[in-house]
Amino acid sequence: MPSQSFVDAQVLVVEFPAAGVMHVAPSKVGSTSIMQAYGQMAGLDIRDGSVRNDLRRDARSGRSAAAGLSMRYVAADELPDLVAARPGWRVLANVRCPYDRAVSNWHSKLNRYARRYDPWVYYRGKLGQLFEGPKAWPHIERANAHMQRHIPFRSMVAGLAQNGVSFDRHFEQQALLLALDRVRYDHVFRLERFGTDFPAVLAGLGIGAEFTGRLSIVPHSNRTAASRPGAGLLDAGTIALIDRAYPQDKALLGYSDPISGRVARWG
């Protein structure tokens, strides 16, 4: 598996020493839900719909540190040493179906793709957002809606297959961001079942009820319009392009082709 050298190869790392747990998540695989879950276990007041704002507030006030909760972005190449420095900890990770992740990126991160590969469309989309008025300005989805008229989903995934995905951590392969060839994880959650599996897996790993008992139902927070699997955009052609763009994810994450139902195997 190739190593990483690009600047944006970072993953969210949540450390909760009181429970001896480290949780690693690439972008677009439920990081907001993970933050909310660990905030709850640490006894912080984290509200639905305001997860990141509440955590920033608690970080500034020192409440997160007092609760023993650390959240930061770490270069993927640093993960093996970071894990080695936490002997005896449970090391967890999240992954997401690469096909649905590509759809989600088209809905919510197309601006990043356009800025890199089609600046004319990027600035046209931003201008369209500007002309919608002040209510649209805080919402990048409005700019993306304009960009989608010029960059259909098929065009985006064709561009990813041709140009690569290492230009941005939201698009990079999850297998590389998680350093799956160098880090042993005690459990890898699938985003699609995270809310159901998280409390039970923690309990099975010996994490005490004094922490898991604080968990409410773990939602899939910060959903994009692509939360509906496929969102009508996946067909044999776009699936083949995603497979070309994400060969490690196809081979190592164990997700089935949404049309054929076949699960890829490494080697």
Protein backbone atom coordinates (compact mmCIF):
# COMPACT_ATOMS: atom_id res chain seq x y z
CA MET A 1 0.00 0.00 0.00
CA PRO A 2 1.54 3.37 -0.96
CA SER A 3 2.60 5.75 1.76
CA GLN A 4 1.23 9.26 2.08
CA SER A 5 3.10 12.47 1.51
CA PHE A 6 0.42 15.07 0.88
CA VAL A 7 -0.29 17.92 3.29
CA ASP A 8 -3.99 17.28 3.91
CA ALA A 9 -3.63 13.63 5.02
CA GLN A 10 -5.16 14.14 8.44
CA VAL A 11 -7.71 12.21 10.46
CA LEU A 12 -9.74 13.02 13.54
CA VAL A 13 -8.33 11.36 16.65
CA VAL A 14 -10.42 11.31 19.82
CA GLU A 15 -8.58 10.31 22.99
CA PHE A 16 -10.46 9.48 26.18
CA PRO A 17 -7.87 8.33 28.74
CA ALA A 18 -10.43 7.67 31.49
CA ALA A 19 -11.79 4.81 29.41
CA GLY A 20 -8.49 3.96 27.70
CA VAL A 21 -9.95 4.54 24.24
CA MET A 22 -8.66 6.13 21.05
CA HIS A 23 -11.06 6.57 18.13
CA VAL A 24 -9.86 7.45 14.61
CA ALA A 25 -12.09 8.75 11.84
CA PRO A 26 -11.37 10.00 8.32
CA SER A 27 -13.48 12.88 7.05
CA LYS A 28 -17.01 12.11 5.84
CA VAL A 29 -17.42 8.99 7.98
CA GLY A 30 -19.47 10.30 10.89
CA SER A 31 -16.94 12.43 12.74
CA THR A 32 -19.64 14.68 14.19
CA SER A 33 -21.46 11.65 15.61
CA ILE A 34 -18.21 10.38 17.12
CA MET A 35 -17.52 13.76 18.72
CA GLN A 36 -21.04 13.84 20.15
CA ALA A 37 -20.77 10.31 21.57
CA TYR A 38 -17.48 10.94 23.37
CA GLY A 39 -18.68 14.32 24.60
CA GLN A 40 -21.63 12.54 26.19
CA MET A 41 -19.40 9.88 27.75
CA ALA A 42 -17.19 12.61 29.21
CA GLY A 43 -20.24 14.20 30.82
CA LEU A 44 -20.31 17.32 28.64
CA ASP A 45 -23.53 19.05 27.60
CA ILE A 46 -23.53 18.36 23.86
CA ARG A 47 -26.73 19.25 22.03
CA ASP A 48 -28.06 17.76 18.81
CA GLY A 49 -27.50 20.21 15.97
CA SER A 50 -24.79 22.11 17.83
CA VAL A 51 -22.15 19.45 18.41
CA ARG A 52 -19.09 21.21 17.04
CA ASN A 53 -20.03 24.59 18.49
CA ASP A 54 -20.60 23.06 21.93
CA LEU A 55 -17.28 21.23 21.79
CA ARG A 56 -15.44 24.38 20.75
CA ARG A 57 -17.08 26.18 23.67
CA ASP A 58 -16.00 23.46 26.09
CA ALA A 59 -12.46 23.43 24.70
CA ARG A 60 -12.15 27.20 25.20
CA SER A 61 -13.54 27.02 28.73
CA GLY A 62 -11.31 24.09 29.73
CA ARG A 63 -14.24 21.76 30.43
CA SER A 64 -13.08 19.25 27.81
CA ALA A 65 -9.59 19.08 29.30
CA ALA A 66 -11.03 18.77 32.81
CA ALA A 67 -13.16 15.85 31.60
CA GLY A 68 -10.05 14.21 30.11
CA LEU A 69 -11.26 14.47 26.52
CA SER A 70 -8.96 15.34 23.61
CA MET A 71 -10.00 15.81 19.99
CA ARG A 72 -7.50 16.80 17.32
CA TYR A 73 -6.50 16.20 13.74
CA VAL A 74 -3.38 14.10 13.27
CA ALA A 75 -1.34 13.33 10.16
CA ALA A 76 -2.09 9.79 9.07
CA ASP A 77 1.62 8.95 8.98
CA GLU A 78 1.77 9.69 12.72
CA LEU A 79 -0.92 7.15 13.66
CA PRO A 80 1.35 4.11 14.16
CA ASP A 81 3.59 5.98 16.63
CA LEU A 82 0.57 7.50 18.38
CA VAL A 83 -1.01 4.08 18.87
CA ALA A 84 2.28 2.58 20.04
CA ALA A 85 2.50 5.32 22.68
CA ARG A 86 -0.85 4.19 24.17
CA PRO A 87 -0.19 0.57 25.21
CA GLY A 88 -3.26 -1.20 26.53
CA TRP A 89 -5.71 1.26 24.99
CA ARG A 90 -8.60 0.15 22.80
CA VAL A 91 -8.10 1.59 19.30
CA LEU A 92 -11.26 2.07 17.26
CA ALA A 93 -12.06 3.48 13.83
CA ASN A 94 -14.96 4.37 11.58
CA VAL A 95 -15.39 3.65 7.88
CA ARG A 96 -18.14 4.33 5.37
CA CYS A 97 -19.31 2.71 2.16
CA PRO A 98 -17.04 4.31 -0.48
CA TYR A 99 -19.90 4.60 -2.96
CA ASP A 100 -22.11 6.52 -0.54
CA ARG A 101 -19.15 8.62 0.58
CA ALA A 102 -18.57 9.68 -3.03
CA VAL A 103 -22.22 10.68 -3.35
CA SER A 104 -22.02 12.61 -0.09
CA ASN A 105 -18.93 14.44 -1.30
CA TRP A 106 -20.72 15.49 -4.48
CA HIS A 107 -23.47 17.03 -2.37
CA SER A 108 -21.40 18.70 0.33
CA LYS A 109 -17.76 18.98 -0.86
CA LEU A 110 -18.05 19.58 -4.59
CA ASN A 111 -16.68 23.07 -3.99
CA ARG A 112 -13.34 21.55 -2.95
CA TYR A 113 -13.20 19.43 -6.10
CA ALA A 114 -14.19 22.36 -8.33
CA ARG A 115 -11.70 24.74 -6.74
CA ARG A 116 -8.93 22.28 -7.59
CA TYR A 117 -9.98 20.98 -10.99
CA ASP A 118 -12.49 23.47 -12.47
CA PRO A 119 -11.97 26.97 -11.01
CA TRP A 120 -14.35 28.55 -13.51
CA VAL A 121 -17.21 26.43 -12.19
CA TYR A 122 -16.10 27.09 -8.61
CA TYR A 123 -16.24 30.86 -8.95
CA ARG A 124 -19.48 30.70 -10.92
CA GLY A 125 -21.00 28.65 -8.10
CA LYS A 126 -19.79 31.10 -5.47
CA LEU A 127 -21.21 33.98 -7.50
CA GLY A 128 -24.56 32.20 -7.70
CA GLN A 129 -24.51 31.78 -3.92
CA LEU A 130 -23.72 35.48 -3.51
CA PHE A 131 -26.65 36.51 -5.69
CA GLU A 132 -29.05 34.37 -3.62
CA GLY A 133 -28.64 36.85 -0.78
CA PRO A 134 -27.39 36.88 2.81
CA LYS A 135 -29.41 33.85 3.92
CA ALA A 136 -27.46 31.67 1.47
CA TRP A 137 -23.99 32.98 2.31
CA PRO A 138 -23.24 30.74 5.35
CA HIS A 139 -24.31 27.58 3.50
CA ILE A 140 -21.78 26.10 1.07
CA GLU A 141 -24.49 23.71 -0.14
CA ARG A 142 -26.02 26.66 -1.99
CA ALA A 143 -22.79 27.19 -3.94
CA ASN A 144 -22.56 23.46 -4.54
CA ALA A 145 -26.07 23.42 -5.99
CA HIS A 146 -24.91 25.88 -8.66
CA MET A 147 -21.73 23.88 -9.31
CA GLN A 148 -23.69 20.65 -9.69
CA ARG A 149 -25.35 22.08 -12.79
CA HIS A 150 -21.95 22.11 -14.49
CA ILE A 151 -20.26 19.14 -12.78
CA PRO A 152 -22.67 16.17 -12.66
CA PHE A 153 -21.85 13.31 -10.32
CA ARG A 154 -20.53 11.15 -13.16
CA SER A 155 -18.15 13.92 -14.23
CA MET A 156 -16.83 14.33 -10.70
CA VAL A 157 -16.09 10.63 -10.19
CA ALA A 158 -14.54 10.43 -13.67
CA GLY A 159 -12.28 13.30 -12.66
CA LEU A 160 -11.36 11.52 -9.43
CA ALA A 161 -10.53 8.34 -11.35
CA GLN A 162 -8.34 10.30 -13.75
CA ASN A 163 -6.66 12.79 -11.40
CA GLY A 164 -6.58 10.94 -8.07
CA VAL A 165 -8.15 11.70 -4.71
CA SER A 166 -5.19 12.85 -2.62
CA PHE A 167 -5.86 16.56 -3.07
CA ASP A 168 -8.20 16.75 -0.05
CA ARG A 169 -8.76 14.61 3.05
CA HIS A 170 -12.51 14.50 2.45
CA PHE A 171 -11.86 12.67 -0.83
CA GLU A 172 -8.80 10.59 0.11
CA GLN A 173 -9.07 6.83 0.49
CA GLN A 174 -10.13 5.78 3.97
CA ALA A 175 -7.74 2.82 3.98
CA LEU A 176 -4.79 5.16 3.53
CA LEU A 177 -6.00 7.71 6.07
CA LEU A 178 -6.44 4.95 8.66
CA ALA A 179 -3.04 3.43 7.82
CA LEU A 180 -4.69 0.02 7.74
CA ASP A 181 -1.42 -1.64 6.77
CA ARG A 182 0.34 -0.31 9.88
CA VAL A 183 -2.27 0.04 12.63
CA ARG A 184 -4.21 -2.77 14.30
CA TYR A 185 -7.70 -1.65 15.31
CA ASP A 186 -9.67 -3.43 18.01
CA HIS A 187 -12.89 -2.64 16.16
CA VAL A 188 -13.78 -0.85 12.94
CA PHE A 189 -17.31 0.55 12.93
CA ARG A 190 -19.33 0.96 9.78
CA LEU A 191 -21.03 4.34 9.74
CA GLU A 192 -24.24 2.69 8.57
CA ARG A 193 -24.54 0.83 11.90
CA PHE A 194 -22.59 3.13 14.19
CA GLY A 195 -25.53 4.26 16.29
CA THR A 196 -26.62 0.68 16.92
CA ASP A 197 -23.20 -0.92 17.39
CA PHE A 198 -21.27 1.70 19.35
CA PRO A 199 -22.62 1.15 22.90
CA ALA A 200 -22.63 -2.65 22.56
CA VAL A 201 -19.09 -2.82 21.17
CA LEU A 202 -17.74 -0.57 23.92
CA ALA A 203 -19.38 -2.74 26.55
CA GLY A 204 -17.92 -5.83 24.91
CA LEU A 205 -14.46 -4.26 25.04
CA GLY A 206 -14.82 -3.73 28.76
CA ILE A 207 -15.61 -0.02 28.77
CA GLY A 208 -17.50 0.59 31.99
CA ALA A 209 -21.16 1.54 32.37
CA GLU A 210 -20.07 4.74 34.12
CA PHE A 211 -19.20 5.94 30.59
CA THR A 212 -21.53 4.02 28.27
CA GLY A 213 -24.47 4.72 30.57
CA ARG A 214 -24.22 8.40 29.63
CA LEU A 215 -24.84 7.69 25.97
CA SER A 216 -28.15 8.69 24.49
CA ILE A 217 -29.10 7.23 21.12
CA VAL A 218 -26.09 7.94 18.94
CA PRO A 219 -27.39 9.72 15.85
CA HIS A 220 -25.75 10.10 12.48
CA SER A 221 -25.18 13.82 13.03
CA ASN A 222 -24.43 16.40 10.33
CA ARG A 223 -26.17 14.42 7.59
CA THR A 224 -25.93 15.72 4.05
CA ALA A 225 -28.49 15.34 1.31
CA ALA A 226 -26.62 12.18 0.33
CA SER A 227 -27.67 10.35 3.47
CA ARG A 228 -30.02 8.37 1.26
CA PRO A 229 -27.71 5.58 -0.03
CA GLY A 230 -26.87 6.20 -3.68
CA ALA A 231 -29.35 9.07 -3.97
CA GLY A 232 -30.21 7.79 -7.49
CA LEU A 233 -26.71 8.53 -8.78
CA LEU A 234 -25.09 5.10 -8.66
CA ASP A 235 -25.13 2.89 -11.72
CA ALA A 236 -22.69 0.44 -13.27
CA GLY A 237 -20.71 3.26 -14.89
CA THR A 238 -20.30 5.46 -11.81
CA ILE A 239 -19.56 2.43 -9.62
CA ALA A 240 -16.75 1.39 -11.98
CA LEU A 241 -15.29 4.91 -11.82
CA ILE A 242 -15.43 4.93 -8.01
CA ASP A 243 -13.70 1.55 -7.95
CA ARG A 244 -10.89 3.01 -10.07
CA ALA A 245 -10.59 6.06 -7.82
CA TYR A 246 -10.73 4.05 -4.56
CA PRO A 247 -8.99 0.69 -5.15
CA GLN A 248 -7.76 0.32 -1.55
CA ASP A 249 -11.18 1.09 -0.09
CA LYS A 250 -12.84 -1.33 -2.50
CA ALA A 251 -10.38 -4.07 -1.56
CA LEU A 252 -9.96 -3.56 2.17
CA LEU A 253 -13.18 -2.16 3.64
CA GLY A 254 -15.37 -5.13 2.73
CA TYR A 255 -18.33 -3.26 1.24
CA SER A 256 -20.33 -4.90 -1.52
CA ASP A 257 -20.98 -3.45 -4.94
CA PRO A 258 -24.47 -1.92 -4.58
CA ILE A 259 -25.56 -3.39 -7.93
CA SER A 260 -23.89 -6.79 -8.18
CA GLY A 261 -23.72 -7.41 -4.43
CA ARG A 262 -20.18 -8.80 -4.76
CA VAL A 263 -17.68 -8.05 -2.01
CA ALA A 264 -14.14 -7.31 -3.19
CA ARG A 265 -11.27 -9.25 -1.67
CA TRP A 266 -7.68 -8.11 -1.41
CA GLY A 267 -5.10 -9.88 -3.54
